[in-house]
Protein backbone atom coordinates (compact mmCIF):
# COMPACT_ATOMS: atom_id res chain seq x y z
CA UNK A 1 36.31 20.50 -6.90
CA UNK A 2 34.48 23.11 -4.75
CA UNK A 3 32.79 24.18 -8.06
CA UNK A 4 30.82 20.83 -8.59
CA UNK A 5 29.36 20.64 -4.96
CA UNK A 6 26.35 23.13 -6.05
CA UNK A 7 25.59 20.64 -9.06
CA UNK A 8 25.72 17.56 -7.01
CA UNK A 9 23.55 19.23 -4.47
CA UNK A 10 20.99 20.25 -7.00
CA UNK A 11 21.29 16.74 -8.34
CA UNK A 12 20.10 15.19 -5.38
CA UNK A 13 17.77 17.40 -4.39
CA UNK A 14 16.18 16.17 -7.92
CA UNK A 15 16.45 12.65 -6.68
CA UNK A 16 14.80 13.13 -3.46
CA UNK A 17 11.98 15.01 -5.10
CA UNK A 18 11.36 12.19 -7.66
CA UNK A 19 11.46 10.02 -5.06
CA UNK A 20 8.67 11.92 -2.80
CA UNK A 21 6.63 11.89 -5.94
CA UNK A 22 6.83 8.58 -6.77
CA UNK A 23 6.08 7.17 -2.84
CA UNK A 24 3.46 10.12 -2.46
CA UNK A 25 0.32 7.82 -2.75
CA UNK A 26 -2.63 9.31 -5.18
CA UNK A 27 -6.10 10.31 -3.38
CA UNK A 28 -7.81 7.26 -4.19
CA UNK A 29 -7.11 4.07 -6.32
CA UNK A 30 -4.50 1.43 -5.91
CA UNK A 31 -2.01 1.46 -2.49
CA UNK A 32 0.54 -0.61 -1.11
CA UNK A 33 -0.50 -0.70 2.73
CA UNK A 34 1.74 -1.85 5.35
CA UNK A 35 0.28 -3.38 8.66
CA UNK A 36 2.33 -4.09 11.75
CA UNK A 37 3.60 -8.03 11.98
CA UNK A 38 1.30 -8.68 15.04
CA UNK A 39 -1.86 -8.24 13.11
CA UNK A 40 -3.25 -11.23 11.21
CA UNK A 41 -4.35 -11.61 7.85
CA UNK A 42 -8.14 -11.36 9.03
CA UNK A 43 -7.20 -8.02 11.17
CA UNK A 44 -5.75 -6.90 7.98
CA UNK A 45 -9.01 -7.49 5.93
CA UNK A 46 -11.08 -6.08 8.47
CA UNK A 47 -9.26 -2.82 8.66
CA UNK A 48 -9.13 -2.24 4.87
CA UNK A 49 -13.02 -3.28 4.69
CA UNK A 50 -13.48 -0.78 7.58
CA UNK A 51 -11.69 1.88 6.09
CA UNK A 52 -13.47 1.60 2.81
CA UNK A 53 -11.20 -0.44 0.77
CA UNK A 54 -11.05 -3.37 -1.04
CA UNK A 55 -8.20 -6.37 -1.04
CA UNK A 56 -6.35 -7.04 -4.38
CA UNK A 57 -3.49 -8.90 -3.26
CA UNK A 58 -1.10 -9.57 -0.37
CA UNK A 59 2.23 -8.22 -1.10
CA UNK A 60 5.65 -9.67 -1.64
CA UNK A 61 6.46 -7.34 1.29
CA UNK A 62 5.79 -8.97 4.75
CA UNK A 63 2.99 -7.34 6.36
CA UNK A 64 1.69 -5.74 2.94
CA UNK A 65 -1.44 -5.74 1.05
CA UNK A 66 -2.20 -4.34 -2.36
CA UNK A 67 -5.78 -2.69 -1.81
CA UNK A 68 -8.20 -0.27 -3.92
CA UNK A 69 -10.33 2.60 -2.52
CA UNK A 70 -12.39 5.03 -4.32
CA UNK A 71 -12.41 7.22 -1.28
CA UNK A 72 -10.30 10.05 -1.19
CA UNK A 73 -9.98 9.55 2.89
CA UNK A 74 -9.03 5.93 2.48
CA UNK A 75 -5.37 7.04 3.71
CA UNK A 76 -6.28 8.78 6.55
CA UNK A 77 -8.89 5.75 7.89
CA UNK A 78 -6.62 3.02 7.10
CA UNK A 79 -3.90 4.64 9.06
CA UNK A 80 -6.91 4.55 11.84
CA UNK A 81 -7.25 1.03 11.76
CA UNK A 82 -3.69 0.28 12.14
CA UNK A 83 -1.74 0.85 8.88
CA UNK A 84 1.62 1.56 9.27
CA UNK A 85 2.47 3.21 5.90
CA UNK A 86 0.75 3.62 2.81
CA UNK A 87 2.48 3.86 -0.54
CA UNK A 88 1.20 4.39 -3.96
CA UNK A 89 0.40 1.06 -5.50
CA UNK A 90 0.81 2.03 -9.42
CA UNK A 91 4.17 2.60 -10.98
CA UNK A 92 7.25 1.59 -9.39
CA UNK A 93 5.76 0.39 -6.22
CA UNK A 94 2.83 -1.22 -7.85
CA UNK A 95 5.03 -4.34 -7.94
CA UNK A 96 4.32 -4.93 -4.26
CA UNK A 97 1.91 -7.71 -5.44
CA UNK A 98 3.18 -11.06 -5.76
CA UNK A 99 4.93 -11.98 -8.91
CA UNK A 100 3.20 -14.67 -11.12
CA UNK A 101 -0.22 -14.30 -9.03
CA UNK A 102 -3.35 -12.33 -10.30
CA UNK A 103 -5.64 -10.46 -8.37
CA UNK A 104 -7.59 -11.93 -5.78
CA UNK A 105 -5.24 -14.83 -5.56
CA UNK A 106 -5.66 -15.26 -1.54
CA UNK A 107 -5.68 -18.35 0.09
CA UNK A 108 -8.76 -20.28 0.93
CA UNK A 109 -8.93 -19.06 4.91
CA UNK A 110 -8.28 -15.35 3.63
CA UNK A 111 -11.01 -15.83 1.13
CA UNK A 112 -13.50 -17.11 3.66
CA UNK A 113 -12.70 -14.22 6.24
CA UNK A 114 -12.98 -11.57 3.36
CA UNK A 115 -16.68 -12.83 2.52
CA UNK A 116 -17.55 -13.32 6.30
CA UNK A 117 -16.25 -9.50 6.77
CA UNK A 118 -18.39 -8.33 3.98
CA UNK A 119 -21.44 -10.41 4.68
CA UNK A 120 -20.96 -9.39 8.48
């Protein structure tokens, strides 16, 4: 049994490295951004806009938003505006968007808040 421990250790290390590579967000593009529960939708949309991103949809995860930004420093700025976690929005974690909903399927209040933020 002792002979298998190095192989098990290497397999676990491989899984950890694959997980880290899957979770690591790209420099720019689509992100899954998680915010604290005390921030409302308008505050979250404003944080995304101030960080230089665009809201695509709310995520199925509470407090999560699927956003897009062409800016390579978006991750740093969105964290400065209150985001607690920024994940890759494509691939495995791209399913953060709600199933059966297309992009820009926000509620009327959220759309109005977004228009006010962009126009503001």
